[in-house]
Amino acid sequence: MNSRRFRTSPSRRRRPSWTPLLSGARHQTLVHGDAKLANSCFSPEGTSSLSRVAAVDFQYVGGGCGMKDVAYFLGSCLDEAECEAREGELLDLYFDLLGSALGRLQPDVDAASVEREWRALFPVAWTDFHRFLKGWSPGHWKIHSYSERVAREVLAGL
């Protein structure tokens, strides 16, 4: 058996240079780790005045920056054109809802501070998701020019 064949290459062992930005975020939360649409269950429309959602498949759960789950979820729902057109709108909605929830459930947490930090980290989290996809499935349909542009901008800013 050729054991050299199974060694991890130096490039695979190296942490991406943006990893400390996400892991070092001041505001950390519980992160699903695989927050794609396929791991979400929604109540049927019209069953109640409030929509209900549940997440499943928690094999990667842990602490981290919440933008990792947001980027992964949006990436699983939107095609390239929708990413370009709706990123700002969807992040605004996310932070409005998060701010309301924090105000009710965690009033000591400064929602504006969380938003400032996490909004700036969204492109970093998207780049991390893009890196994962390129390594996992290089021909995946989610690898598109929007993701390439975001990744280039993040890398240029490091």
C-alpha atoms as a PDB file:
ATOM      1  CA  MET A   1       0.000   0.000   0.000  1.00  0.00           C
ATOM      2  CA  ASN A   2       1.315   3.444  -0.933  1.00  0.00           C
ATOM      3  CA  SER A   3       0.801   5.568   2.215  1.00  0.00           C
ATOM      4  CA  ARG A   4       1.911   8.749   0.426  1.00  0.00           C
ATOM      5  CA  ARG A   5      -1.266   8.597  -1.633  1.00  0.00           C
ATOM      6  CA  PHE A   6      -3.378   9.197   1.506  1.00  0.00           C
ATOM      7  CA  ARG A   7      -1.458  12.127   2.937  1.00  0.00           C
ATOM      8  CA  THR A   8      -3.128  15.480   3.083  1.00  0.00           C
ATOM      9  CA  SER A   9      -1.495  18.008   0.808  1.00  0.00           C
ATOM     10  CA  PRO A  10      -0.098  21.188   2.410  1.00  0.00           C
ATOM     11  CA  SER A  11      -2.746  23.309   0.662  1.00  0.00           C
ATOM     12  CA  ARG A  12      -5.539  21.184   2.172  1.00  0.00           C
ATOM     13  CA  ARG A  13      -4.026  21.472   5.658  1.00  0.00           C
ATOM     14  CA  ARG A  14      -3.716  25.249   5.520  1.00  0.00           C
ATOM     15  CA  ARG A  15      -6.515  27.253   7.103  1.00  0.00           C
ATOM     16  CA  PRO A  16      -7.957  29.907   4.817  1.00  0.00           C
ATOM     17  CA  SER A  17      -6.656  33.351   5.784  1.00  0.00           C
ATOM     18  CA  TRP A  18     -10.193  34.589   6.516  1.00  0.00           C
ATOM     19  CA  THR A  19     -10.977  31.840   9.058  1.00  0.00           C
ATOM     20  CA  PRO A  20      -9.807  33.910  12.055  1.00  0.00           C
ATOM     21  CA  LEU A  21     -12.213  36.681  11.034  1.00  0.00           C
ATOM     22  CA  LEU A  22     -15.172  34.314  11.458  1.00  0.00           C
ATOM     23  CA  SER A  23     -13.907  32.357  14.461  1.00  0.00           C
ATOM     24  CA  GLY A  24     -12.728  35.563  16.151  1.00  0.00           C
ATOM     25  CA  ALA A  25     -16.008  37.438  15.782  1.00  0.00           C
ATOM     26  CA  ARG A  26     -16.964  39.145  19.023  1.00  0.00           C
ATOM     27  CA  HIS A  27     -20.564  38.004  18.687  1.00  0.00           C
ATOM     28  CA  GLN A  28     -20.804  34.222  18.578  1.00  0.00           C
ATOM     29  CA  THR A  29     -23.908  32.048  18.549  1.00  0.00           C
ATOM     30  CA  LEU A  30     -25.027  28.486  18.095  1.00  0.00           C
ATOM     31  CA  VAL A  31     -24.469  27.592  14.438  1.00  0.00           C
ATOM     32  CA  HIS A  32     -26.250  24.760  12.632  1.00  0.00           C
ATOM     33  CA  GLY A  33     -23.307  24.200  10.302  1.00  0.00           C
ATOM     34  CA  ASP A  34     -25.347  22.810   7.404  1.00  0.00           C
ATOM     35  CA  ALA A  35     -28.155  25.362   7.208  1.00  0.00           C
ATOM     36  CA  LYS A  36     -29.343  24.636   3.705  1.00  0.00           C
ATOM     37  CA  LEU A  37     -32.938  24.661   2.526  1.00  0.00           C
ATOM     38  CA  ALA A  38     -32.994  20.852   2.396  1.00  0.00           C
ATOM     39  CA  ASN A  39     -32.404  20.799   6.177  1.00  0.00           C
ATOM     40  CA  SER A  40     -35.413  23.023   6.907  1.00  0.00           C
ATOM     41  CA  CYS A  41     -39.033  22.013   7.433  1.00  0.00           C
ATOM     42  CA  PHE A  42     -41.824  24.558   7.049  1.00  0.00           C
ATOM     43  CA  SER A  43     -45.428  24.401   8.178  1.00  0.00           C
ATOM     44  CA  PRO A  44     -47.959  24.342   5.334  1.00  0.00           C
ATOM     45  CA  GLU A  45     -49.283  27.765   4.371  1.00  0.00           C
ATOM     46  CA  GLY A  46     -52.618  28.617   5.937  1.00  0.00           C
ATOM     47  CA  THR A  47     -52.251  26.277   8.927  1.00  0.00           C
ATOM     48  CA  SER A  48     -51.789  29.100  11.417  1.00  0.00           C
ATOM     49  CA  SER A  49     -51.274  32.824  11.576  1.00  0.00           C
ATOM     50  CA  LEU A  50     -47.591  32.235  12.280  1.00  0.00           C
ATOM     51  CA  SER A  51     -45.275  30.306  10.001  1.00  0.00           C
ATOM     52  CA  ARG A  52     -43.359  27.601  11.752  1.00  0.00           C
ATOM     53  CA  VAL A  53     -39.972  26.292  10.738  1.00  0.00           C
ATOM     54  CA  ALA A  54     -37.759  23.560  12.081  1.00  0.00           C
ATOM     55  CA  ALA A  55     -34.178  22.671  11.273  1.00  0.00           C
ATOM     56  CA  VAL A  56     -32.952  19.091  10.986  1.00  0.00           C
ATOM     57  CA  ASP A  57     -29.603  17.316  10.482  1.00  0.00           C
ATOM     58  CA  PHE A  58     -27.476  18.861  13.201  1.00  0.00           C
ATOM     59  CA  GLN A  59     -24.298  16.875  12.570  1.00  0.00           C
ATOM     60  CA  TYR A  60     -22.090  20.007  12.367  1.00  0.00           C
ATOM     61  CA  VAL A  61     -23.612  22.116  15.167  1.00  0.00           C
ATOM     62  CA  GLY A  62     -21.324  24.276  17.289  1.00  0.00           C
ATOM     63  CA  GLY A  63     -20.415  27.814  18.220  1.00  0.00           C
ATOM     64  CA  GLY A  64     -19.529  30.408  15.619  1.00  0.00           C
ATOM     65  CA  CYS A  65     -20.462  33.466  13.650  1.00  0.00           C
ATOM     66  CA  GLY A  66     -24.127  33.357  12.625  1.00  0.00           C
ATOM     67  CA  MET A  67     -23.300  34.647   9.155  1.00  0.00           C
ATOM     68  CA  LYS A  68     -21.967  31.215   8.244  1.00  0.00           C
ATOM     69  CA  ASP A  69     -25.481  29.761   8.484  1.00  0.00           C
ATOM     70  CA  VAL A  70     -27.042  32.778   6.753  1.00  0.00           C
ATOM     71  CA  ALA A  71     -24.626  32.551   3.812  1.00  0.00           C
ATOM     72  CA  TYR A  72     -25.105  28.810   3.462  1.00  0.00           C
ATOM     73  CA  PHE A  73     -28.903  29.082   3.666  1.00  0.00           C
ATOM     74  CA  LEU A  74     -29.124  31.883   1.102  1.00  0.00           C
ATOM     75  CA  GLY A  75     -26.688  30.040  -1.139  1.00  0.00           C
ATOM     76  CA  SER A  76     -28.937  26.991  -1.049  1.00  0.00           C
ATOM     77  CA  CYS A  77     -32.056  29.012  -1.959  1.00  0.00           C
ATOM     78  CA  LEU A  78     -30.959  31.556  -4.534  1.00  0.00           C
ATOM     79  CA  ASP A  79     -29.536  31.328  -8.007  1.00  0.00           C
ATOM     80  CA  GLU A  80     -26.838  33.696  -9.228  1.00  0.00           C
ATOM     81  CA  ALA A  81     -29.198  36.458 -10.407  1.00  0.00           C
ATOM     82  CA  GLU A  82     -31.174  36.340  -7.158  1.00  0.00           C
ATOM     83  CA  CYS A  83     -27.962  36.556  -5.115  1.00  0.00           C
ATOM     84  CA  GLU A  84     -26.995  39.736  -6.947  1.00  0.00           C
ATOM     85  CA  ALA A  85     -30.451  41.286  -6.818  1.00  0.00           C
ATOM     86  CA  ARG A  86     -31.628  40.338  -3.323  1.00  0.00           C
ATOM     87  CA  GLU A  87     -28.590  40.125  -1.037  1.00  0.00           C
ATOM     88  CA  GLY A  88     -29.123  43.548   0.526  1.00  0.00           C
ATOM     89  CA  GLU A  89     -32.890  43.152   0.872  1.00  0.00           C
ATOM     90  CA  LEU A  90     -32.573  39.738   2.532  1.00  0.00           C
ATOM     91  CA  LEU A  91     -29.807  40.844   4.889  1.00  0.00           C
ATOM     92  CA  ASP A  92     -31.904  43.873   5.869  1.00  0.00           C
ATOM     93  CA  LEU A  93     -34.847  41.570   6.647  1.00  0.00           C
ATOM     94  CA  TYR A  94     -32.617  39.154   8.571  1.00  0.00           C
ATOM     95  CA  PHE A  95     -31.136  41.909  10.725  1.00  0.00           C
ATOM     96  CA  ASP A  96     -34.543  43.517  11.341  1.00  0.00           C
ATOM     97  CA  LEU A  97     -35.891  40.186  12.613  1.00  0.00           C
ATOM     98  CA  LEU A  98     -32.724  39.409  14.572  1.00  0.00           C
ATOM     99  CA  GLY A  99     -32.792  42.856  16.198  1.00  0.00           C
ATOM    100  CA  SER A 100     -36.427  42.370  17.244  1.00  0.00           C
ATOM    101  CA  ALA A 101     -35.698  38.915  18.651  1.00  0.00           C
ATOM    102  CA  LEU A 102     -32.637  40.127  20.548  1.00  0.00           C
ATOM    103  CA  GLY A 103     -34.637  43.018  21.976  1.00  0.00           C
ATOM    104  CA  ARG A 104     -37.248  40.598  23.333  1.00  0.00           C
ATOM    105  CA  LEU A 105     -35.090  37.649  24.327  1.00  0.00           C
ATOM    106  CA  GLN A 106     -31.615  39.064  24.996  1.00  0.00           C
ATOM    107  CA  PRO A 107     -32.083  42.762  25.853  1.00  0.00           C
ATOM    108  CA  ASP A 108     -28.510  43.039  27.173  1.00  0.00           C
ATOM    109  CA  VAL A 109     -27.109  42.233  23.718  1.00  0.00           C
ATOM    110  CA  ASP A 110     -26.489  45.298  21.547  1.00  0.00           C
ATOM    111  CA  ALA A 111     -28.291  44.341  18.332  1.00  0.00           C
ATOM    112  CA  ALA A 112     -26.733  47.250  16.418  1.00  0.00           C
ATOM    113  CA  SER A 113     -23.260  46.016  17.355  1.00  0.00           C
ATOM    114  CA  VAL A 114     -24.117  42.474  16.249  1.00  0.00           C
ATOM    115  CA  GLU A 115     -25.430  43.802  12.932  1.00  0.00           C
ATOM    116  CA  ARG A 116     -22.360  45.966  12.272  1.00  0.00           C
ATOM    117  CA  GLU A 117     -19.995  43.085  12.908  1.00  0.00           C
ATOM    118  CA  TRP A 118     -21.973  40.361  11.161  1.00  0.00           C
ATOM    119  CA  ARG A 119     -23.007  42.425   8.135  1.00  0.00           C
ATOM    120  CA  ALA A 120     -19.309  43.090   7.487  1.00  0.00           C
ATOM    121  CA  LEU A 121     -18.616  39.344   7.878  1.00  0.00           C
ATOM    122  CA  PHE A 122     -21.323  38.180   5.467  1.00  0.00           C
ATOM    123  CA  PRO A 123     -18.997  38.320   2.411  1.00  0.00           C
ATOM    124  CA  VAL A 124     -16.356  36.444   4.417  1.00  0.00           C
ATOM    125  CA  ALA A 125     -18.870  33.726   5.341  1.00  0.00           C
ATOM    126  CA  TRP A 126     -20.021  33.567   1.705  1.00  0.00           C
ATOM    127  CA  THR A 127     -16.397  33.131   0.626  1.00  0.00           C
ATOM    128  CA  ASP A 128     -15.965  30.318   3.126  1.00  0.00           C
ATOM    129  CA  PHE A 129     -19.090  28.610   1.737  1.00  0.00           C
ATOM    130  CA  HIS A 130     -17.757  29.120  -1.803  1.00  0.00           C
ATOM    131  CA  ARG A 131     -14.401  27.576  -0.797  1.00  0.00           C
ATOM    132  CA  PHE A 132     -16.211  24.559   0.640  1.00  0.00           C
ATOM    133  CA  LEU A 133     -18.254  24.066  -2.540  1.00  0.00           C
ATOM    134  CA  LYS A 134     -15.218  24.300  -4.812  1.00  0.00           C
ATOM    135  CA  GLY A 135     -13.447  21.613  -2.805  1.00  0.00           C
ATOM    136  CA  TRP A 136     -16.479  19.379  -2.367  1.00  0.00           C
ATOM    137  CA  SER A 137     -18.008  19.610  -5.846  1.00  0.00           C
ATOM    138  CA  PRO A 138     -15.994  21.761  -8.287  1.00  0.00           C
ATOM    139  CA  GLY A 139     -18.745  21.700 -10.918  1.00  0.00           C
ATOM    140  CA  HIS A 140     -21.594  22.561  -8.547  1.00  0.00           C
ATOM    141  CA  TRP A 141     -24.262  24.953  -9.902  1.00  0.00           C
ATOM    142  CA  LYS A 142     -23.784  27.248  -6.870  1.00  0.00           C
ATOM    143  CA  ILE A 143     -20.259  28.096  -8.044  1.00  0.00           C
ATOM    144  CA  HIS A 144     -21.006  31.139 -10.165  1.00  0.00           C
ATOM    145  CA  SER A 145     -19.699  34.594 -10.973  1.00  0.00           C
ATOM    146  CA  TYR A 146     -21.432  36.217  -7.976  1.00  0.00           C
ATOM    147  CA  SER A 147     -19.570  33.895  -5.601  1.00  0.00           C
ATOM    148  CA  GLU A 148     -16.314  34.308  -7.507  1.00  0.00           C
ATOM    149  CA  ARG A 149     -16.637  38.115  -7.318  1.00  0.00           C
ATOM    150  CA  VAL A 150     -17.402  38.090  -3.572  1.00  0.00           C
ATOM    151  CA  ALA A 151     -14.438  35.770  -2.951  1.00  0.00           C
ATOM    152  CA  ARG A 152     -12.083  37.984  -5.003  1.00  0.00           C
ATOM    153  CA  GLU A 153     -13.202  41.064  -3.056  1.00  0.00           C
ATOM    154  CA  VAL A 154     -12.713  39.353   0.306  1.00  0.00           C
ATOM    155  CA  LEU A 155      -9.282  38.049  -0.643  1.00  0.00           C
ATOM    156  CA  ALA A 156      -8.238  41.457  -1.981  1.00  0.00           C
ATOM    157  CA  GLY A 157      -9.212  43.018   1.347  1.00  0.00           C
ATOM    158  CA  LEU A 158      -7.094  40.688   3.507  1.00  0.00           C
END
